[in-house]
Amino acid sequence: QTLVFAEKARAIGCLVGVENFTIDD
């Protein structure tokens, strides 16, 4: 679902980020 959302968001010129990022996961 995230991949679909990211594709749709980018299609309208928005950016996508990940918060609470940890290296292990």
mmCIF file of all heavy atoms, coordinates in Angstrom:
data_MODEL
# 
_entry.id   MODEL 
# 
loop_
_atom_site.group_PDB 
_atom_site.id 
_atom_site.type_symbol 
_atom_site.label_atom_id 
_atom_site.label_alt_id 
_atom_site.label_comp_id 
_atom_site.label_asym_id 
_atom_site.label_entity_id 
_atom_site.label_seq_id 
_atom_site.pdbx_PDB_ins_code 
_atom_site.Cartn_x 
_atom_site.Cartn_y 
_atom_site.Cartn_z 
_atom_site.occupancy 
_atom_site.B_iso_or_equiv 
_atom_site.pdbx_formal_charge 
_atom_site.auth_seq_id 
_atom_site.auth_comp_id 
_atom_site.auth_asym_id 
_atom_site.auth_atom_id 
_atom_site.pdbx_PDB_model_num 
ATOM 1   N N   . GLN A 1 1  ? 0.832  -1.207 0.000   1.00 0.00 ? 1  GLN A N   1 
ATOM 2   C CA  . GLN A 1 1  ? 0.000  0.000  0.000   1.00 0.00 ? 1  GLN A CA  1 
ATOM 3   C C   . GLN A 1 1  ? 0.868  1.259  0.000   1.00 0.00 ? 1  GLN A C   1 
ATOM 4   O O   . GLN A 1 1  ? 0.527  2.255  -0.628  1.00 0.00 ? 1  GLN A O   1 
ATOM 5   C CB  . GLN A 1 1  ? -0.945 0.024  1.220   1.00 0.00 ? 1  GLN A CB  1 
ATOM 6   C CG  . GLN A 1 1  ? -2.010 -1.032 1.171   1.00 0.00 ? 1  GLN A CG  1 
ATOM 7   C CD  . GLN A 1 1  ? -1.608 -2.291 1.948   1.00 0.00 ? 1  GLN A CD  1 
ATOM 8   O OE1 . GLN A 1 1  ? -0.438 -2.623 2.083   1.00 0.00 ? 1  GLN A OE1 1 
ATOM 9   N NE2 . GLN A 1 1  ? -2.592 -3.005 2.454   1.00 0.00 ? 1  GLN A NE2 1 
ATOM 10  N N   . THR A 1 2  ? 1.995  1.198  0.712   1.00 0.00 ? 2  THR A N   1 
ATOM 11  C CA  . THR A 1 2  ? 2.908  2.337  0.753   1.00 0.00 ? 2  THR A CA  1 
ATOM 12  C C   . THR A 1 2  ? 3.464  2.635  -0.633  1.00 0.00 ? 2  THR A C   1 
ATOM 13  O O   . THR A 1 2  ? 3.553  3.797  -1.042  1.00 0.00 ? 2  THR A O   1 
ATOM 14  C CB  . THR A 1 2  ? 4.061  2.068  1.737   1.00 0.00 ? 2  THR A CB  1 
ATOM 15  O OG1 . THR A 1 2  ? 3.522  1.871  3.043   1.00 0.00 ? 2  THR A OG1 1 
ATOM 16  C CG2 . THR A 1 2  ? 5.040  3.229  1.759   1.00 0.00 ? 2  THR A CG2 1 
ATOM 17  N N   . LEU A 1 3  ? 3.827  1.591  -1.363  1.00 0.00 ? 3  LEU A N   1 
ATOM 18  C CA  . LEU A 1 3  ? 4.368  1.785  -2.709  1.00 0.00 ? 3  LEU A CA  1 
ATOM 19  C C   . LEU A 1 3  ? 3.331  2.419  -3.635  1.00 0.00 ? 3  LEU A C   1 
ATOM 20  O O   . LEU A 1 3  ? 3.656  3.309  -4.424  1.00 0.00 ? 3  LEU A O   1 
ATOM 21  C CB  . LEU A 1 3  ? 4.860  0.460  -3.282  1.00 0.00 ? 3  LEU A CB  1 
ATOM 22  C CG  . LEU A 1 3  ? 6.066  -0.163 -2.566  1.00 0.00 ? 3  LEU A CG  1 
ATOM 23  C CD1 . LEU A 1 3  ? 6.354  -1.562 -3.115  1.00 0.00 ? 3  LEU A CD1 1 
ATOM 24  C CD2 . LEU A 1 3  ? 7.272  0.728  -2.658  1.00 0.00 ? 3  LEU A CD2 1 
ATOM 25  N N   . VAL A 1 4  ? 2.081  1.984  -3.525  1.00 0.00 ? 4  VAL A N   1 
ATOM 26  C CA  . VAL A 1 4  ? 1.007  2.574  -4.333  1.00 0.00 ? 4  VAL A CA  1 
ATOM 27  C C   . VAL A 1 4  ? 0.798  4.033  -3.937  1.00 0.00 ? 4  VAL A C   1 
ATOM 28  O O   . VAL A 1 4  ? 0.689  4.910  -4.790  1.00 0.00 ? 4  VAL A O   1 
ATOM 29  C CB  . VAL A 1 4  ? -0.306 1.764  -4.171  1.00 0.00 ? 4  VAL A CB  1 
ATOM 30  C CG1 . VAL A 1 4  ? -1.483 2.492  -4.811  1.00 0.00 ? 4  VAL A CG1 1 
ATOM 31  C CG2 . VAL A 1 4  ? -0.141 0.364  -4.755  1.00 0.00 ? 4  VAL A CG2 1 
ATOM 32  N N   . PHE A 1 5  ? 0.756  4.288  -2.623  1.00 0.00 ? 5  PHE A N   1 
ATOM 33  C CA  . PHE A 1 5  ? 0.573  5.650  -2.142  1.00 0.00 ? 5  PHE A CA  1 
ATOM 34  C C   . PHE A 1 5  ? 1.704  6.563  -2.625  1.00 0.00 ? 5  PHE A C   1 
ATOM 35  O O   . PHE A 1 5  ? 1.461  7.678  -3.092  1.00 0.00 ? 5  PHE A O   1 
ATOM 36  C CB  . PHE A 1 5  ? 0.505  5.676  -0.608  1.00 0.00 ? 5  PHE A CB  1 
ATOM 37  C CG  . PHE A 1 5  ? 0.415  7.066  -0.054  1.00 0.00 ? 5  PHE A CG  1 
ATOM 38  C CD1 . PHE A 1 5  ? -0.786 7.753  -0.054  1.00 0.00 ? 5  PHE A CD1 1 
ATOM 39  C CD2 . PHE A 1 5  ? 1.546  7.701  0.439   1.00 0.00 ? 5  PHE A CD2 1 
ATOM 40  C CE1 . PHE A 1 5  ? -0.865 9.050  0.428   1.00 0.00 ? 5  PHE A CE1 1 
ATOM 41  C CE2 . PHE A 1 5  ? 1.479  8.990  0.929   1.00 0.00 ? 5  PHE A CE2 1 
ATOM 42  C CZ  . PHE A 1 5  ? 0.269  9.664  0.932   1.00 0.00 ? 5  PHE A CZ  1 
ATOM 43  N N   . ALA A 1 6  ? 2.951  6.087  -2.504  1.00 0.00 ? 6  ALA A N   1 
ATOM 44  C CA  . ALA A 1 6  ? 4.103  6.886  -2.926  1.00 0.00 ? 6  ALA A CA  1 
ATOM 45  C C   . ALA A 1 6  ? 4.029  7.214  -4.417  1.00 0.00 ? 6  ALA A C   1 
ATOM 46  O O   . ALA A 1 6  ? 4.314  8.338  -4.831  1.00 0.00 ? 6  ALA A O   1 
ATOM 47  C CB  . ALA A 1 6  ? 5.400  6.156  -2.603  1.00 0.00 ? 6  ALA A CB  1 
ATOM 48  N N   . GLU A 1 7  ? 3.637  6.248  -5.218  1.00 0.00 ? 7  GLU A N   1 
ATOM 49  C CA  . GLU A 1 7  ? 3.512  6.474  -6.660  1.00 0.00 ? 7  GLU A CA  1 
ATOM 50  C C   . GLU A 1 7  ? 2.462  7.540  -6.957  1.00 0.00 ? 7  GLU A C   1 
ATOM 51  O O   . GLU A 1 7  ? 2.684  8.444  -7.772  1.00 0.00 ? 7  GLU A O   1 
ATOM 52  C CB  . GLU A 1 7  ? 3.133  5.160  -7.352  1.00 0.00 ? 7  GLU A CB  1 
ATOM 53  C CG  . GLU A 1 7  ? 3.012  5.268  -8.847  1.00 0.00 ? 7  GLU A CG  1 
ATOM 54  C CD  . GLU A 1 7  ? 2.590  3.935  -9.486  1.00 0.00 ? 7  GLU A CD  1 
ATOM 55  O OE1 . GLU A 1 7  ? 2.838  2.871  -8.910  1.00 0.00 ? 7  GLU A OE1 1 
ATOM 56  O OE2 . GLU A 1 7  ? 1.999  4.011  -10.581 1.00 0.00 ? 7  GLU A OE2 1 
ATOM 57  N N   . LYS A 1 8  ? 1.314  7.453  -6.285  1.00 0.00 ? 8  LYS A N   1 
ATOM 58  C CA  . LYS A 1 8  ? 0.234  8.433  -6.490  1.00 0.00 ? 8  LYS A CA  1 
ATOM 59  C C   . LYS A 1 8  ? 0.653  9.826  -5.992  1.00 0.00 ? 8  LYS A C   1 
ATOM 60  O O   . LYS A 1 8  ? 0.363  10.825 -6.646  1.00 0.00 ? 8  LYS A O   1 
ATOM 61  C CB  . LYS A 1 8  ? -1.042 7.991  -5.773  1.00 0.00 ? 8  LYS A CB  1 
ATOM 62  C CG  . LYS A 1 8  ? -1.560 6.644  -6.182  1.00 0.00 ? 8  LYS A CG  1 
ATOM 63  C CD  . LYS A 1 8  ? -2.324 6.712  -7.448  1.00 0.00 ? 8  LYS A CD  1 
ATOM 64  C CE  . LYS A 1 8  ? -2.923 5.330  -7.726  1.00 0.00 ? 8  LYS A CE  1 
ATOM 65  N NZ  . LYS A 1 8  ? -3.329 5.154  -9.072  1.00 0.00 ? 8  LYS A NZ  1 
ATOM 66  N N   . ALA A 1 9  ? 1.314  9.872  -4.841  1.00 0.00 ? 9  ALA A N   1 
ATOM 67  C CA  . ALA A 1 9  ? 1.750  11.166 -4.287  1.00 0.00 ? 9  ALA A CA  1 
ATOM 68  C C   . ALA A 1 9  ? 2.759  11.836 -5.217  1.00 0.00 ? 9  ALA A C   1 
ATOM 69  O O   . ALA A 1 9  ? 2.672  13.039 -5.486  1.00 0.00 ? 9  ALA A O   1 
ATOM 70  C CB  . ALA A 1 9  ? 2.341  10.967 -2.898  1.00 0.00 ? 9  ALA A CB  1 
ATOM 71  N N   . ARG A 1 10 ? 3.690  11.052 -5.715  1.00 0.00 ? 10 ARG A N   1 
ATOM 72  C CA  . ARG A 1 10 ? 4.700  11.612 -6.616  1.00 0.00 ? 10 ARG A CA  1 
ATOM 73  C C   . ARG A 1 10 ? 4.102  12.035 -7.959  1.00 0.00 ? 10 ARG A C   1 
ATOM 74  O O   . ARG A 1 10 ? 4.590  12.975 -8.586  1.00 0.00 ? 10 ARG A O   1 
ATOM 75  C CB  . ARG A 1 10 ? 5.834  10.617 -6.807  1.00 0.00 ? 10 ARG A CB  1 
ATOM 76  C CG  . ARG A 1 10 ? 6.689  10.502 -5.553  1.00 0.00 ? 10 ARG A CG  1 
ATOM 77  C CD  . ARG A 1 10 ? 7.803  9.517  -5.708  1.00 0.00 ? 10 ARG A CD  1 
ATOM 78  N NE  . ARG A 1 10 ? 8.658  9.538  -4.530  1.00 0.00 ? 10 ARG A NE  1 
ATOM 79  C CZ  . ARG A 1 10 ? 9.162  8.460  -3.966  1.00 0.00 ? 10 ARG A CZ  1 
ATOM 80  N NH1 . ARG A 1 10 ? 8.919  7.258  -4.479  1.00 0.00 ? 10 ARG A NH1 1 
ATOM 81  N NH2 . ARG A 1 10 ? 9.926  8.563  -2.904  1.00 0.00 ? 10 ARG A NH2 1 
ATOM 82  N N   . ALA A 1 11 ? 3.045  11.352 -8.375  1.00 0.00 ? 11 ALA A N   1 
ATOM 83  C CA  . ALA A 1 11 ? 2.385  11.694 -9.640  1.00 0.00 ? 11 ALA A CA  1 
ATOM 84  C C   . ALA A 1 11 ? 1.794  13.104 -9.597  1.00 0.00 ? 11 ALA A C   1 
ATOM 85  O O   . ALA A 1 11 ? 1.679  13.748 -10.641 1.00 0.00 ? 11 ALA A O   1 
ATOM 86  C CB  . ALA A 1 11 ? 1.302  10.671 -9.972  1.00 0.00 ? 11 ALA A CB  1 
ATOM 87  N N   . ILE A 1 12 ? 1.427  13.574 -8.415  1.00 0.00 ? 12 ILE A N   1 
ATOM 88  C CA  . ILE A 1 12 ? 0.887  14.929 -8.295  1.00 0.00 ? 12 ILE A CA  1 
ATOM 89  C C   . ILE A 1 12 ? 1.930  15.907 -7.735  1.00 0.00 ? 12 ILE A C   1 
ATOM 90  O O   . ILE A 1 12 ? 1.599  16.988 -7.256  1.00 0.00 ? 12 ILE A O   1 
ATOM 91  C CB  . ILE A 1 12 ? -0.405 14.974 -7.463  1.00 0.00 ? 12 ILE A CB  1 
ATOM 92  C CG1 . ILE A 1 12 ? -0.176 14.459 -6.051  1.00 0.00 ? 12 ILE A CG1 1 
ATOM 93  C CG2 . ILE A 1 12 ? -1.522 14.218 -8.159  1.00 0.00 ? 12 ILE A CG2 1 
ATOM 94  C CD1 . ILE A 1 12 ? -1.331 14.722 -5.093  1.00 0.00 ? 12 ILE A CD1 1 
ATOM 95  N N   . GLY A 1 13 ? 3.198  15.494 -7.765  1.00 0.00 ? 13 GLY A N   1 
ATOM 96  C CA  . GLY A 1 13 ? 4.275  16.405 -7.385  1.00 0.00 ? 13 GLY A CA  1 
ATOM 97  C C   . GLY A 1 13 ? 4.577  16.490 -5.909  1.00 0.00 ? 13 GLY A C   1 
ATOM 98  O O   . GLY A 1 13 ? 5.245  17.426 -5.474  1.00 0.00 ? 13 GLY A O   1 
ATOM 99  N N   . CYS A 1 14 ? 4.094  15.540 -5.126  1.00 0.00 ? 14 CYS A N   1 
ATOM 100 C CA  . CYS A 1 14 ? 4.388  15.530 -3.693  1.00 0.00 ? 14 CYS A CA  1 
ATOM 101 C C   . CYS A 1 14 ? 5.566  14.599 -3.413  1.00 0.00 ? 14 CYS A C   1 
ATOM 102 O O   . CYS A 1 14 ? 5.905  13.753 -4.232  1.00 0.00 ? 14 CYS A O   1 
ATOM 103 C CB  . CYS A 1 14 ? 3.166  15.073 -2.907  1.00 0.00 ? 14 CYS A CB  1 
ATOM 104 S SG  . CYS A 1 14 ? 1.750  16.164 -3.104  1.00 0.00 ? 14 CYS A SG  1 
ATOM 105 N N   . LEU A 1 15 ? 6.170  14.760 -2.272  1.00 0.00 ? 15 LEU A N   1 
ATOM 106 C CA  . LEU A 1 15 ? 7.298  13.929 -1.868  1.00 0.00 ? 15 LEU A CA  1 
ATOM 107 C C   . LEU A 1 15 ? 6.874  12.992 -0.746  1.00 0.00 ? 15 LEU A C   1 
ATOM 108 O O   . LEU A 1 15 ? 5.869  13.222 -0.078  1.00 0.00 ? 15 LEU A O   1 
ATOM 109 C CB  . LEU A 1 15 ? 8.460  14.806 -1.416  1.00 0.00 ? 15 LEU A CB  1 
ATOM 110 C CG  . LEU A 1 15 ? 8.958  15.839 -2.434  1.00 0.00 ? 15 LEU A CG  1 
ATOM 111 C CD1 . LEU A 1 15 ? 10.050 16.713 -1.826  1.00 0.00 ? 15 LEU A CD1 1 
ATOM 112 C CD2 . LEU A 1 15 ? 9.447  15.166 -3.696  1.00 0.00 ? 15 LEU A CD2 1 
ATOM 113 N N   . VAL A 1 16 ? 7.679  11.949 -0.537  1.00 0.00 ? 16 VAL A N   1 
ATOM 114 C CA  . VAL A 1 16 ? 7.379  10.951 0.482   1.00 0.00 ? 16 VAL A CA  1 
ATOM 115 C C   . VAL A 1 16 ? 8.604  10.761 1.358   1.00 0.00 ? 16 VAL A C   1 
ATOM 116 O O   . VAL A 1 16 ? 9.729  10.681 0.865   1.00 0.00 ? 16 VAL A O   1 
ATOM 117 C CB  . VAL A 1 16 ? 6.991  9.602  -0.174  1.00 0.00 ? 16 VAL A CB  1 
ATOM 118 C CG1 . VAL A 1 16 ? 6.745  8.535  0.881   1.00 0.00 ? 16 VAL A CG1 1 
ATOM 119 C CG2 . VAL A 1 16 ? 5.771  9.768  -1.057  1.00 0.00 ? 16 VAL A CG2 1 
ATOM 120 N N   . GLY A 1 17 ? 8.367  10.692 2.658   1.00 0.00 ? 17 GLY A N   1 
ATOM 121 C CA  . GLY A 1 17 ? 9.450  10.455 3.596   1.00 0.00 ? 17 GLY A CA  1 
ATOM 122 C C   . GLY A 1 17 ? 9.077  9.387  4.592   1.00 0.00 ? 17 GLY A C   1 
ATOM 123 O O   . GLY A 1 17 ? 7.905  9.013  4.723   1.00 0.00 ? 17 GLY A O   1 
ATOM 124 N N   . VAL A 1 18 ? 10.073 8.900  5.300   1.00 0.00 ? 18 VAL A N   1 
ATOM 125 C CA  . VAL A 1 18 ? 9.866  7.904  6.346   1.00 0.00 ? 18 VAL A CA  1 
ATOM 126 C C   . VAL A 1 18 ? 10.369 8.510  7.647   1.00 0.00 ? 18 VAL A C   1 
ATOM 127 O O   . VAL A 1 18 ? 11.502 8.988  7.723   1.00 0.00 ? 18 VAL A O   1 
ATOM 128 C CB  . VAL A 1 18 ? 10.634 6.597  6.037   1.00 0.00 ? 18 VAL A CB  1 
ATOM 129 C CG1 . VAL A 1 18 ? 10.488 5.610  7.179   1.00 0.00 ? 18 VAL A CG1 1 
ATOM 130 C CG2 . VAL A 1 18 ? 10.142 5.988  4.733   1.00 0.00 ? 18 VAL A CG2 1 
ATOM 131 N N   . GLU A 1 19 ? 9.506  8.500  8.660   1.00 0.00 ? 19 GLU A N   1 
ATOM 132 C CA  . GLU A 1 19 ? 9.910  9.013  9.965   1.00 0.00 ? 19 GLU A CA  1 
ATOM 133 C C   . GLU A 1 19 ? 10.073 7.864  10.949  1.00 0.00 ? 19 GLU A C   1 
ATOM 134 O O   . GLU A 1 19 ? 9.659  6.743  10.672  1.00 0.00 ? 19 GLU A O   1 
ATOM 135 C CB  . GLU A 1 19 ? 8.926  10.053 10.495  1.00 0.00 ? 19 GLU A CB  1 
ATOM 136 C CG  . GLU A 1 19 ? 7.542  9.551  10.788  1.00 0.00 ? 19 GLU A CG  1 
ATOM 137 C CD  . GLU A 1 19 ? 6.638  10.649 11.320  1.00 0.00 ? 19 GLU A CD  1 
ATOM 138 O OE1 . GLU A 1 19 ? 7.141  11.661 11.852  1.00 0.00 ? 19 GLU A OE1 1 
ATOM 139 O OE2 . GLU A 1 19 ? 5.433  10.494 11.206  1.00 0.00 ? 19 GLU A OE2 1 
ATOM 140 N N   . ASN A 1 20 ? 10.699 8.165  12.070  1.00 0.00 ? 20 ASN A N   1 
ATOM 141 C CA  . ASN A 1 20 ? 11.052 7.147  13.068  1.00 0.00 ? 20 ASN A CA  1 
ATOM 142 C C   . ASN A 1 20 ? 11.933 6.085  12.449  1.00 0.00 ? 20 ASN A C   1 
ATOM 143 O O   . ASN A 1 20 ? 11.810 4.895  12.744  1.00 0.00 ? 20 ASN A O   1 
ATOM 144 C CB  . ASN A 1 20 ? 9.812  6.524  13.714  1.00 0.00 ? 20 ASN A CB  1 
ATOM 145 C CG  . ASN A 1 20 ? 9.020  7.520  14.518  1.00 0.00 ? 20 ASN A CG  1 
ATOM 146 O OD1 . ASN A 1 20 ? 9.587  8.419  15.132  1.00 0.00 ? 20 ASN A OD1 1 
ATOM 147 N ND2 . ASN A 1 20 ? 7.716  7.381  14.505  1.00 0.00 ? 20 ASN A ND2 1 
ATOM 148 N N   . PHE A 1 21 ? 12.838 6.513  11.575  1.00 0.00 ? 21 PHE A N   1 
ATOM 149 C CA  . PHE A 1 21 ? 13.693 5.602  10.832  1.00 0.00 ? 21 PHE A CA  1 
ATOM 150 C C   . PHE A 1 21 ? 14.759 5.000  11.736  1.00 0.00 ? 21 PHE A C   1 
ATOM 151 O O   . PHE A 1 21 ? 15.445 5.707  12.463  1.00 0.00 ? 21 PHE A O   1 
ATOM 152 C CB  . PHE A 1 21 ? 14.370 6.346  9.675   1.00 0.00 ? 21 PHE A CB  1 
ATOM 153 C CG  . PHE A 1 21 ? 15.269 5.477  8.857   1.00 0.00 ? 21 PHE A CG  1 
ATOM 154 C CD1 . PHE A 1 21 ? 14.753 4.689  7.845   1.00 0.00 ? 21 PHE A CD1 1 
ATOM 155 C CD2 . PHE A 1 21 ? 16.628 5.431  9.111   1.00 0.00 ? 21 PHE A CD2 1 
ATOM 156 C CE1 . PHE A 1 21 ? 15.577 3.873  7.090   1.00 0.00 ? 21 PHE A CE1 1 
ATOM 157 C CE2 . PHE A 1 21 ? 17.463 4.624  8.366   1.00 0.00 ? 21 PHE A CE2 1 
ATOM 158 C CZ  . PHE A 1 21 ? 16.939 3.842  7.362   1.00 0.00 ? 21 PHE A CZ  1 
ATOM 159 N N   . THR A 1 22 ? 14.877 3.679  11.675  1.00 0.00 ? 22 THR A N   1 
ATOM 160 C CA  . THR A 1 22 ? 15.953 2.964  12.341  1.00 0.00 ? 22 THR A CA  1 
ATOM 161 C C   . THR A 1 22 ? 16.673 2.128  11.300  1.00 0.00 ? 22 THR A C   1 
ATOM 162 O O   . THR A 1 22 ? 16.057 1.625  10.359  1.00 0.00 ? 22 THR A O   1 
ATOM 163 C CB  . THR A 1 22 ? 15.434 2.054  13.470  1.00 0.00 ? 22 THR A CB  1 
ATOM 164 O OG1 . THR A 1 22 ? 14.518 1.116  12.922  1.00 0.00 ? 22 THR A OG1 1 
ATOM 165 C CG2 . THR A 1 22 ? 14.755 2.854  14.570  1.00 0.00 ? 22 THR A CG2 1 
ATOM 166 N N   . ILE A 1 23 ? 17.947 1.981  11.466  1.00 0.00 ? 23 ILE A N   1 
ATOM 167 C CA  . ILE A 1 23 ? 18.751 1.267  10.475  1.00 0.00 ? 23 ILE A CA  1 
ATOM 168 C C   . ILE A 1 23 ? 18.406 -0.214 10.432  1.00 0.00 ? 23 ILE A C   1 
ATOM 169 O O   . ILE A 1 23 ? 18.309 -0.803 9.361   1.00 0.00 ? 23 ILE A O   1 
ATOM 170 C CB  . ILE A 1 23 ? 20.251 1.474  10.758  1.00 0.00 ? 23 ILE A CB  1 
ATOM 171 C CG1 . ILE A 1 23 ? 20.612 2.943  10.536  1.00 0.00 ? 23 ILE A CG1 1 
ATOM 172 C CG2 . ILE A 1 23 ? 21.103 0.579  9.868   1.00 0.00 ? 23 ILE A CG2 1 
ATOM 173 C CD1 . ILE A 1 23 ? 22.011 3.311  10.944  1.00 0.00 ? 23 ILE A CD1 1 
ATOM 174 N N   . ASP A 1 24 ? 18.177 -0.833 11.571  1.00 0.00 ? 24 ASP A N   1 
ATOM 175 C CA  . ASP A 1 24 ? 17.961 -2.279 11.637  1.00 0.00 ? 24 ASP A CA  1 
ATOM 176 C C   . ASP A 1 24 ? 16.779 -2.759 10.814  1.00 0.00 ? 24 ASP A C   1 
ATOM 177 O O   . ASP A 1 24 ? 16.836 -3.819 10.198  1.00 0.00 ? 24 ASP A O   1 
ATOM 178 C CB  . ASP A 1 24 ? 17.768 -2.725 13.091  1.00 0.00 ? 24 ASP A CB  1 
ATOM 179 C CG  . ASP A 1 24 ? 19.013 -2.477 13.937  1.00 0.00 ? 24 ASP A CG  1 
ATOM 180 O OD1 . ASP A 1 24 ? 20.102 -2.358 13.360  1.00 0.00 ? 24 ASP A OD1 1 
ATOM 181 O OD2 . ASP A 1 24 ? 18.878 -2.402 15.164  1.00 0.00 ? 24 ASP A OD2 1 
ATOM 182 N N   . ASP A 1 25 ? 15.688 -2.001 10.815  1.00 0.00 ? 25 ASP A N   1 
ATOM 183 C CA  . ASP A 1 25 ? 14.462 -2.442 10.142  1.00 0.00 ? 25 ASP A CA  1 
ATOM 184 C C   . ASP A 1 25 ? 14.326 -1.935 8.724   1.00 0.00 ? 25 ASP A C   1 
ATOM 185 O O   . ASP A 1 25 ? 13.332 -2.193 8.066   1.00 0.00 ? 25 ASP A O   1 
ATOM 186 C CB  . ASP A 1 25 ? 13.236 -1.977 10.945  1.00 0.00 ? 25 ASP A CB  1 
ATOM 187 C CG  . ASP A 1 25 ? 13.179 -2.605 12.324  1.00 0.00 ? 25 ASP A CG  1 
ATOM 188 O OD1 . ASP A 1 25 ? 13.659 -3.746 12.459  1.00 0.00 ? 25 ASP A OD1 1 
ATOM 189 O OD2 . ASP A 1 25 ? 12.672 -1.963 13.249  1.00 0.00 ? 25 ASP A OD2 1 
# 
